[in-house]
Amino acid sequence: MARIALVTGGTRGIGAAISRALTEAGVKVAASYAGNDDAANRFKDETGIPTFKWDVGSYEASAEGVKRVEEEVGPVDILVNNAGITRDGFFHKMTHEQWRAVLTTNLDSLFNVTRPVIDGMRARGWGRVVVISSINGQKGQMGQVNYSAAKAGDIGFVKALAQESANKGITVNAICPGYIGTEMVQAIAPEVLKSKILPQIPVGRLGLPEEVGKAVAYLASEDASFVTGSVLSINGGQHM
């Protein structure tokens, strides 16, 4: 019987690549999204993957969203906490709203979505939780104090929950992507990419969303049952 996965932010960018990679691995996937109905509908039409709309920053909305997924698709065996936003700005100019929005979506969401599925995983004696953190949670990034703080918090979440869950057959791991060729990164001016960003990456190119997706598919598989509490960097050597 196929495992069932929930991928938050799973209809665009890295999330869409993760949803596709898990589907190719034989997993039954549900993808959540926050607001872009057109992109979600296109994704659903292209892939046949069911989509569910809610704000992962809200515990109540997440509990209800997970309930709908489990009623319509099945109990969640694999959770990929991928949803995230940026509200960049130098800290001395950052508003509380910018800080709170990023911490809520990028860090609070881990509790909001994982808490409703963890009891079922523990009861069934099997589960996979994968958190998409960031290179900037590892090294920090000027102009992203809020984002770096949230993504560093993601790593702490993973390491603690991995210890609590290991004896229940549940693995918990993080992936820290660097510059990945999503729509957001591709929108950067070509001269900036060439002169400022690519020189920081020893392999000399952007990563592919599919490379992150395949890494998630591995961590979600039976083959990765001895991998937990790990932080996998996918950054082309930019930070080691």
C-alpha atoms as a PDB file:
ATOM      1  CA  MET A   1       0.000   0.000   0.000  1.00  0.00           C
ATOM      2  CA  ALA A   2       1.391   3.401  -0.987  1.00  0.00           C
ATOM      3  CA  ARG A   3       2.622   5.775   1.685  1.00  0.00           C
ATOM      4  CA  ILE A   4       0.839   9.111   1.916  1.00  0.00           C
ATOM      5  CA  ALA A   5       2.726  12.417   1.979  1.00  0.00           C
ATOM      6  CA  LEU A   6       1.723  15.968   2.715  1.00  0.00           C
ATOM      7  CA  VAL A   7       3.942  18.657   1.203  1.00  0.00           C
ATOM      8  CA  THR A   8       3.312  22.185   2.469  1.00  0.00           C
ATOM      9  CA  GLY A   9       3.880  24.879  -0.124  1.00  0.00           C
ATOM     10  CA  GLY A  10       3.799  21.950  -2.489  1.00  0.00           C
ATOM     11  CA  THR A  11       2.396  23.483  -5.676  1.00  0.00           C
ATOM     12  CA  ARG A  12       5.213  25.820  -6.757  1.00  0.00           C
ATOM     13  CA  GLY A  13       8.996  25.981  -6.935  1.00  0.00           C
ATOM     14  CA  ILE A  14      10.911  23.558  -4.739  1.00  0.00           C
ATOM     15  CA  GLY A  15       7.656  22.312  -3.220  1.00  0.00           C
ATOM     16  CA  ALA A  16       6.250  21.324  -6.606  1.00  0.00           C
ATOM     17  CA  ALA A  17       9.475  19.466  -7.423  1.00  0.00           C
ATOM     18  CA  ILE A  18       9.219  17.625  -4.099  1.00  0.00           C
ATOM     19  CA  SER A  19       5.592  16.679  -4.783  1.00  0.00           C
ATOM     20  CA  ARG A  20       6.530  15.344  -8.207  1.00  0.00           C
ATOM     21  CA  ALA A  21       9.571  13.422  -6.944  1.00  0.00           C
ATOM     22  CA  LEU A  22       7.570  11.717  -4.212  1.00  0.00           C
ATOM     23  CA  THR A  23       4.852  10.809  -6.710  1.00  0.00           C
ATOM     24  CA  GLU A  24       7.464   9.291  -9.024  1.00  0.00           C
ATOM     25  CA  ALA A  25       8.713   7.266  -6.055  1.00  0.00           C
ATOM     26  CA  GLY A  26       5.265   5.714  -5.668  1.00  0.00           C
ATOM     27  CA  VAL A  27       4.033   7.917  -2.825  1.00  0.00           C
ATOM     28  CA  LYS A  28       0.485   9.293  -2.795  1.00  0.00           C
ATOM     29  CA  VAL A  29       0.893  13.054  -2.365  1.00  0.00           C
ATOM     30  CA  ALA A  30      -1.296  15.885  -1.113  1.00  0.00           C
ATOM     31  CA  ALA A  31       0.025  19.422  -1.593  1.00  0.00           C
ATOM     32  CA  SER A  32      -0.987  22.426   0.478  1.00  0.00           C
ATOM     33  CA  TYR A  33      -0.717  26.056  -0.571  1.00  0.00           C
ATOM     34  CA  ALA A  34      -1.521  29.445   0.891  1.00  0.00           C
ATOM     35  CA  GLY A  35      -2.910  31.800  -1.715  1.00  0.00           C
ATOM     36  CA  ASN A  36      -2.062  31.371  -5.396  1.00  0.00           C
ATOM     37  CA  ASP A  37      -5.166  29.607  -6.690  1.00  0.00           C
ATOM     38  CA  ASP A  38      -4.159  29.854 -10.353  1.00  0.00           C
ATOM     39  CA  ALA A  39      -0.791  28.174  -9.767  1.00  0.00           C
ATOM     40  CA  ALA A  40      -2.387  25.504  -7.577  1.00  0.00           C
ATOM     41  CA  ASN A  41      -5.043  24.731 -10.176  1.00  0.00           C
ATOM     42  CA  ARG A  42      -2.427  24.472 -12.932  1.00  0.00           C
ATOM     43  CA  PHE A  43      -0.334  22.179 -10.762  1.00  0.00           C
ATOM     44  CA  LYS A  44      -3.326  19.965  -9.981  1.00  0.00           C
ATOM     45  CA  ASP A  45      -4.308  19.765 -13.657  1.00  0.00           C
ATOM     46  CA  GLU A  46      -0.746  18.913 -14.721  1.00  0.00           C
ATOM     47  CA  THR A  47      -0.016  16.334 -12.028  1.00  0.00           C
ATOM     48  CA  GLY A  48      -3.314  15.017 -10.727  1.00  0.00           C
ATOM     49  CA  ILE A  49      -2.047  15.709  -7.198  1.00  0.00           C
ATOM     50  CA  PRO A  50      -4.838  16.951  -4.907  1.00  0.00           C
ATOM     51  CA  THR A  51      -4.336  20.411  -3.430  1.00  0.00           C
ATOM     52  CA  PHE A  52      -5.528  21.901  -0.158  1.00  0.00           C
ATOM     53  CA  LYS A  53      -5.559  25.594   0.726  1.00  0.00           C
ATOM     54  CA  TRP A  54      -4.767  26.889   4.203  1.00  0.00           C
ATOM     55  CA  ASP A  55      -2.429  29.185   6.127  1.00  0.00           C
ATOM     56  CA  VAL A  56       0.265  27.049   7.789  1.00  0.00           C
ATOM     57  CA  GLY A  57       0.908  29.964  10.145  1.00  0.00           C
ATOM     58  CA  SER A  58      -2.411  29.232  11.849  1.00  0.00           C
ATOM     59  CA  TYR A  59      -2.634  26.228  14.166  1.00  0.00           C
ATOM     60  CA  GLU A  60      -6.404  26.019  13.825  1.00  0.00           C
ATOM     61  CA  ALA A  61      -6.287  26.193  10.028  1.00  0.00           C
ATOM     62  CA  SER A  62      -3.498  23.607   9.931  1.00  0.00           C
ATOM     63  CA  ALA A  63      -5.345  21.183  12.211  1.00  0.00           C
ATOM     64  CA  GLU A  64      -8.430  21.495  10.009  1.00  0.00           C
ATOM     65  CA  GLY A  65      -6.346  21.225   6.823  1.00  0.00           C
ATOM     66  CA  VAL A  66      -4.588  18.063   7.993  1.00  0.00           C
ATOM     67  CA  LYS A  67      -7.962  16.602   8.977  1.00  0.00           C
ATOM     68  CA  ARG A  68      -9.264  17.213   5.442  1.00  0.00           C
ATOM     69  CA  VAL A  69      -6.155  15.635   3.910  1.00  0.00           C
ATOM     70  CA  GLU A  70      -6.506  12.547   6.080  1.00  0.00           C
ATOM     71  CA  GLU A  71     -10.225  12.243   5.330  1.00  0.00           C
ATOM     72  CA  GLU A  72      -9.811  12.648   1.569  1.00  0.00           C
ATOM     73  CA  VAL A  73      -6.390  11.094   0.924  1.00  0.00           C
ATOM     74  CA  GLY A  74      -5.452   9.080   4.009  1.00  0.00           C
ATOM     75  CA  PRO A  75      -3.294   9.152   7.152  1.00  0.00           C
ATOM     76  CA  VAL A  76      -0.115  11.181   6.650  1.00  0.00           C
ATOM     77  CA  ASP A  77       2.998   8.972   6.767  1.00  0.00           C
ATOM     78  CA  ILE A  78       5.401  11.539   5.292  1.00  0.00           C
ATOM     79  CA  LEU A  79       5.332  15.241   6.099  1.00  0.00           C
ATOM     80  CA  VAL A  80       7.461  17.729   4.196  1.00  0.00           C
ATOM     81  CA  ASN A  81       7.448  21.131   5.890  1.00  0.00           C
ATOM     82  CA  ASN A  82       8.427  23.240   2.905  1.00  0.00           C
ATOM     83  CA  ALA A  83       6.186  26.336   3.045  1.00  0.00           C
ATOM     84  CA  GLY A  84       8.073  29.568   3.574  1.00  0.00           C
ATOM     85  CA  ILE A  85       8.131  33.294   2.853  1.00  0.00           C
ATOM     86  CA  THR A  86      10.624  36.157   2.900  1.00  0.00           C
ATOM     87  CA  ARG A  87      10.181  39.714   4.130  1.00  0.00           C
ATOM     88  CA  ASP A  88      13.717  40.995   3.668  1.00  0.00           C
ATOM     89  CA  GLY A  89      15.178  44.175   5.087  1.00  0.00           C
ATOM     90  CA  PHE A  90      17.986  45.376   7.310  1.00  0.00           C
ATOM     91  CA  PHE A  91      17.219  44.726  10.965  1.00  0.00           C
ATOM     92  CA  HIS A  92      17.422  48.380  11.999  1.00  0.00           C
ATOM     93  CA  LYS A  93      14.625  49.087   9.517  1.00  0.00           C
ATOM     94  CA  MET A  94      12.649  45.881  10.025  1.00  0.00           C
ATOM     95  CA  THR A  95       9.116  46.167  11.324  1.00  0.00           C
ATOM     96  CA  HIS A  96       7.594  43.839  13.865  1.00  0.00           C
ATOM     97  CA  GLU A  97       5.132  42.769  11.167  1.00  0.00           C
ATOM     98  CA  GLN A  98       8.009  41.673   8.898  1.00  0.00           C
ATOM     99  CA  TRP A  99       9.600  39.748  11.759  1.00  0.00           C
ATOM    100  CA  ARG A 100       6.389  38.108  12.899  1.00  0.00           C
ATOM    101  CA  ALA A 101       5.214  37.123   9.405  1.00  0.00           C
ATOM    102  CA  VAL A 102       8.409  35.234   8.653  1.00  0.00           C
ATOM    103  CA  LEU A 103       8.692  33.557  12.055  1.00  0.00           C
ATOM    104  CA  THR A 104       5.041  32.537  11.913  1.00  0.00           C
ATOM    105  CA  THR A 105       5.151  31.007   8.437  1.00  0.00           C
ATOM    106  CA  ASN A 106       8.675  29.580   8.496  1.00  0.00           C
ATOM    107  CA  LEU A 107       8.981  28.364  12.095  1.00  0.00           C
ATOM    108  CA  ASP A 108       5.624  28.281  13.883  1.00  0.00           C
ATOM    109  CA  SER A 109       4.261  26.273  10.950  1.00  0.00           C
ATOM    110  CA  LEU A 110       6.487  23.349  11.925  1.00  0.00           C
ATOM    111  CA  PHE A 111       4.515  22.968  15.144  1.00  0.00           C
ATOM    112  CA  ASN A 112       1.218  23.783  13.476  1.00  0.00           C
ATOM    113  CA  VAL A 113       1.436  21.076  10.801  1.00  0.00           C
ATOM    114  CA  THR A 114       3.615  18.457  12.495  1.00  0.00           C
ATOM    115  CA  ARG A 115       1.672  18.325  15.756  1.00  0.00           C
ATOM    116  CA  PRO A 116      -1.564  17.079  14.109  1.00  0.00           C
ATOM    117  CA  VAL A 117       0.238  14.196  12.317  1.00  0.00           C
ATOM    118  CA  ILE A 118       2.846  13.049  14.851  1.00  0.00           C
ATOM    119  CA  ASP A 119       0.463  11.028  17.039  1.00  0.00           C
ATOM    120  CA  GLY A 120      -0.674   8.978  14.053  1.00  0.00           C
ATOM    121  CA  MET A 121       2.905   8.309  13.011  1.00  0.00           C
ATOM    122  CA  ARG A 122       3.779   7.201  16.543  1.00  0.00           C
ATOM    123  CA  ALA A 123       0.751   4.923  16.732  1.00  0.00           C
ATOM    124  CA  ARG A 124       1.569   3.281  13.384  1.00  0.00           C
ATOM    125  CA  GLY A 125       5.274   2.957  14.229  1.00  0.00           C
ATOM    126  CA  TRP A 126       6.469   4.654  11.050  1.00  0.00           C
ATOM    127  CA  GLY A 127       6.896   8.193   9.824  1.00  0.00           C
ATOM    128  CA  ARG A 128       9.079  10.632   7.954  1.00  0.00           C
ATOM    129  CA  VAL A 129       9.339  14.344   8.667  1.00  0.00           C
ATOM    130  CA  VAL A 130      11.502  16.441   6.344  1.00  0.00           C
ATOM    131  CA  VAL A 131      11.971  20.156   6.957  1.00  0.00           C
ATOM    132  CA  ILE A 132      13.217  22.469   4.208  1.00  0.00           C
ATOM    133  CA  SER A 133      15.495  24.901   6.027  1.00  0.00           C
ATOM    134  CA  SER A 134      18.073  27.048   4.199  1.00  0.00           C
ATOM    135  CA  ILE A 135      21.747  27.780   3.774  1.00  0.00           C
ATOM    136  CA  ASN A 136      20.934  31.089   5.451  1.00  0.00           C
ATOM    137  CA  GLY A 137      19.802  29.264   8.560  1.00  0.00           C
ATOM    138  CA  GLN A 138      23.288  27.760   8.689  1.00  0.00           C
ATOM    139  CA  LYS A 139      25.423  30.803   7.959  1.00  0.00           C
ATOM    140  CA  GLY A 140      23.120  33.803   8.344  1.00  0.00           C
ATOM    141  CA  GLN A 141      22.471  36.392   5.659  1.00  0.00           C
ATOM    142  CA  MET A 142      22.614  40.169   5.747  1.00  0.00           C
ATOM    143  CA  GLY A 143      19.154  41.623   5.239  1.00  0.00           C
ATOM    144  CA  GLN A 144      17.495  38.413   6.394  1.00  0.00           C
ATOM    145  CA  VAL A 145      17.704  38.401  10.182  1.00  0.00           C
ATOM    146  CA  ASN A 146      14.092  37.209  10.408  1.00  0.00           C
ATOM    147  CA  TYR A 147      14.497  34.499   7.760  1.00  0.00           C
ATOM    148  CA  SER A 148      17.863  33.302   9.073  1.00  0.00           C
ATOM    149  CA  ALA A 149      16.506  33.104  12.622  1.00  0.00           C
ATOM    150  CA  ALA A 150      13.486  31.077  11.517  1.00  0.00           C
ATOM    151  CA  LYS A 151      15.518  28.706   9.366  1.00  0.00           C
ATOM    152  CA  ALA A 152      18.070  28.170  12.143  1.00  0.00           C
ATOM    153  CA  GLY A 153      15.138  27.382  14.418  1.00  0.00           C
ATOM    154  CA  ASP A 154      13.984  24.788  11.899  1.00  0.00           C
ATOM    155  CA  ILE A 155      17.261  22.937  12.395  1.00  0.00           C
ATOM    156  CA  GLY A 156      16.879  22.934  16.172  1.00  0.00           C
ATOM    157  CA  PHE A 157      13.338  21.600  15.775  1.00  0.00           C
ATOM    158  CA  VAL A 158      14.619  18.739  13.626  1.00  0.00           C
ATOM    159  CA  LYS A 159      17.424  17.715  15.969  1.00  0.00           C
ATOM    160  CA  ALA A 160      15.186  17.652  19.042  1.00  0.00           C
ATOM    161  CA  LEU A 161      12.195  15.929  17.437  1.00  0.00           C
ATOM    162  CA  ALA A 162      14.491  13.326  15.865  1.00  0.00           C
ATOM    163  CA  GLN A 163      15.647  12.289  19.327  1.00  0.00           C
ATOM    164  CA  GLU A 164      12.094  12.054  20.652  1.00  0.00           C
ATOM    165  CA  SER A 165      10.796  10.067  17.674  1.00  0.00           C
ATOM    166  CA  ALA A 166      13.546   7.608  16.793  1.00  0.00           C
ATOM    167  CA  ASN A 167      12.248   4.755  18.931  1.00  0.00           C
ATOM    168  CA  LYS A 168       8.840   5.048  17.257  1.00  0.00           C
ATOM    169  CA  GLY A 169      10.153   4.409  13.747  1.00  0.00           C
ATOM    170  CA  ILE A 170       9.969   8.098  12.798  1.00  0.00           C
ATOM    171  CA  THR A 171      12.905   9.916  11.212  1.00  0.00           C
ATOM    172  CA  VAL A 172      13.205  13.699  11.198  1.00  0.00           C
ATOM    173  CA  ASN A 173      15.685  15.449   8.910  1.00  0.00           C
ATOM    174  CA  ALA A 174      16.410  18.858   7.405  1.00  0.00           C
ATOM    175  CA  ILE A 175      17.538  19.929   3.966  1.00  0.00           C
ATOM    176  CA  CYS A 176      19.295  23.276   3.548  1.00  0.00           C
ATOM    177  CA  PRO A 177      19.162  24.421  -0.082  1.00  0.00           C
ATOM    178  CA  GLY A 178      21.360  27.182  -1.404  1.00  0.00           C
ATOM    179  CA  TYR A 179      20.528  29.114  -4.565  1.00  0.00           C
ATOM    180  CA  ILE A 180      18.025  26.964  -6.453  1.00  0.00           C
ATOM    181  CA  GLY A 181      16.749  27.898  -9.911  1.00  0.00           C
ATOM    182  CA  THR A 182      13.155  28.626  -8.953  1.00  0.00           C
ATOM    183  CA  GLU A 183      11.037  31.398 -10.460  1.00  0.00           C
ATOM    184  CA  MET A 184      12.065  33.678  -7.596  1.00  0.00           C
ATOM    185  CA  VAL A 185      15.795  33.217  -8.184  1.00  0.00           C
ATOM    186  CA  GLN A 186      15.459  33.255 -11.971  1.00  0.00           C
ATOM    187  CA  ALA A 187      13.805  36.678 -11.643  1.00  0.00           C
ATOM    188  CA  ILE A 188      17.083  38.144 -10.365  1.00  0.00           C
ATOM    189  CA  ALA A 189      18.758  40.318 -12.998  1.00  0.00           C
ATOM    190  CA  PRO A 190      21.095  38.158 -15.137  1.00  0.00           C
ATOM    191  CA  GLU A 191      24.041  40.463 -14.516  1.00  0.00           C
ATOM    192  CA  VAL A 192      23.540  40.135 -10.752  1.00  0.00           C
ATOM    193  CA  LEU A 193      23.368  36.349 -11.010  1.00  0.00           C
ATOM    194  CA  LYS A 194      26.527  36.269 -13.104  1.00  0.00           C
ATOM    195  CA  SER A 195      28.611  38.761 -11.155  1.00  0.00           C
ATOM    196  CA  LYS A 196      27.378  38.413  -7.563  1.00  0.00           C
ATOM    197  CA  ILE A 197      25.767  35.028  -7.004  1.00  0.00           C
ATOM    198  CA  LEU A 198      27.370  32.387  -9.220  1.00  0.00           C
ATOM    199  CA  PRO A 199      30.928  33.316  -8.123  1.00  0.00           C
ATOM    200  CA  GLN A 200      29.936  32.276  -4.575  1.00  0.00           C
ATOM    201  CA  ILE A 201      29.024  28.762  -5.751  1.00  0.00           C
ATOM    202  CA  PRO A 202      32.041  26.494  -6.405  1.00  0.00           C
ATOM    203  CA  VAL A 203      30.165  24.262  -8.861  1.00  0.00           C
ATOM    204  CA  GLY A 204      29.352  27.381 -10.885  1.00  0.00           C
ATOM    205  CA  ARG A 205      25.610  27.015 -11.351  1.00  0.00           C
ATOM    206  CA  LEU A 206      22.275  27.241  -9.620  1.00  0.00           C
ATOM    207  CA  GLY A 207      20.785  24.116  -8.128  1.00  0.00           C
ATOM    208  CA  LEU A 208      17.773  22.465  -9.695  1.00  0.00           C
ATOM    209  CA  PRO A 209      14.480  22.088  -7.828  1.00  0.00           C
ATOM    210  CA  GLU A 210      14.513  18.449  -8.925  1.00  0.00           C
ATOM    211  CA  GLU A 211      17.763  17.890  -7.046  1.00  0.00           C
ATOM    212  CA  VAL A 212      16.061  18.909  -3.818  1.00  0.00           C
ATOM    213  CA  GLY A 213      13.013  16.824  -4.700  1.00  0.00           C
ATOM    214  CA  LYS A 214      15.074  13.668  -5.184  1.00  0.00           C
ATOM    215  CA  ALA A 215      16.841  14.229  -1.874  1.00  0.00           C
ATOM    216  CA  VAL A 216      13.487  14.462  -0.115  1.00  0.00           C
ATOM    217  CA  ALA A 217      12.322  11.282  -1.849  1.00  0.00           C
ATOM    218  CA  TYR A 218      15.397   9.489  -0.468  1.00  0.00           C
ATOM    219  CA  LEU A 219      14.884  10.768   3.080  1.00  0.00           C
ATOM    220  CA  ALA A 220      11.230   9.713   2.879  1.00  0.00           C
ATOM    221  CA  SER A 221      12.101   6.183   1.751  1.00  0.00           C
ATOM    222  CA  GLU A 222      12.709   2.920   3.585  1.00  0.00           C
ATOM    223  CA  ASP A 223      16.351   3.173   2.501  1.00  0.00           C
ATOM    224  CA  ALA A 224      16.829   6.181   4.802  1.00  0.00           C
ATOM    225  CA  SER A 225      15.592   4.494   7.976  1.00  0.00           C
ATOM    226  CA  PHE A 226      19.002   4.975   9.684  1.00  0.00           C
ATOM    227  CA  VAL A 227      19.187   8.678   8.784  1.00  0.00           C
ATOM    228  CA  THR A 228      17.672  10.964  11.391  1.00  0.00           C
ATOM    229  CA  GLY A 229      18.552  14.300  12.958  1.00  0.00           C
ATOM    230  CA  SER A 230      20.637  15.067   9.875  1.00  0.00           C
ATOM    231  CA  VAL A 231      21.068  18.340   8.004  1.00  0.00           C
ATOM    232  CA  LEU A 232      21.714  17.848   4.298  1.00  0.00           C
ATOM    233  CA  SER A 233      23.249  20.829   2.500  1.00  0.00           C
ATOM    234  CA  ILE A 234      22.360  21.189  -1.186  1.00  0.00           C
ATOM    235  CA  ASN A 235      24.262  24.341  -2.094  1.00  0.00           C
ATOM    236  CA  GLY A 236      26.951  23.512  -4.650  1.00  0.00           C
ATOM    237  CA  GLY A 237      29.683  24.000  -2.071  1.00  0.00           C
ATOM    238  CA  GLN A 238      28.741  27.568  -1.201  1.00  0.00           C
ATOM    239  CA  HIS A 239      28.781  26.815   2.537  1.00  0.00           C
ATOM    240  CA  MET A 240      30.392  23.814   4.199  1.00  0.00           C
END
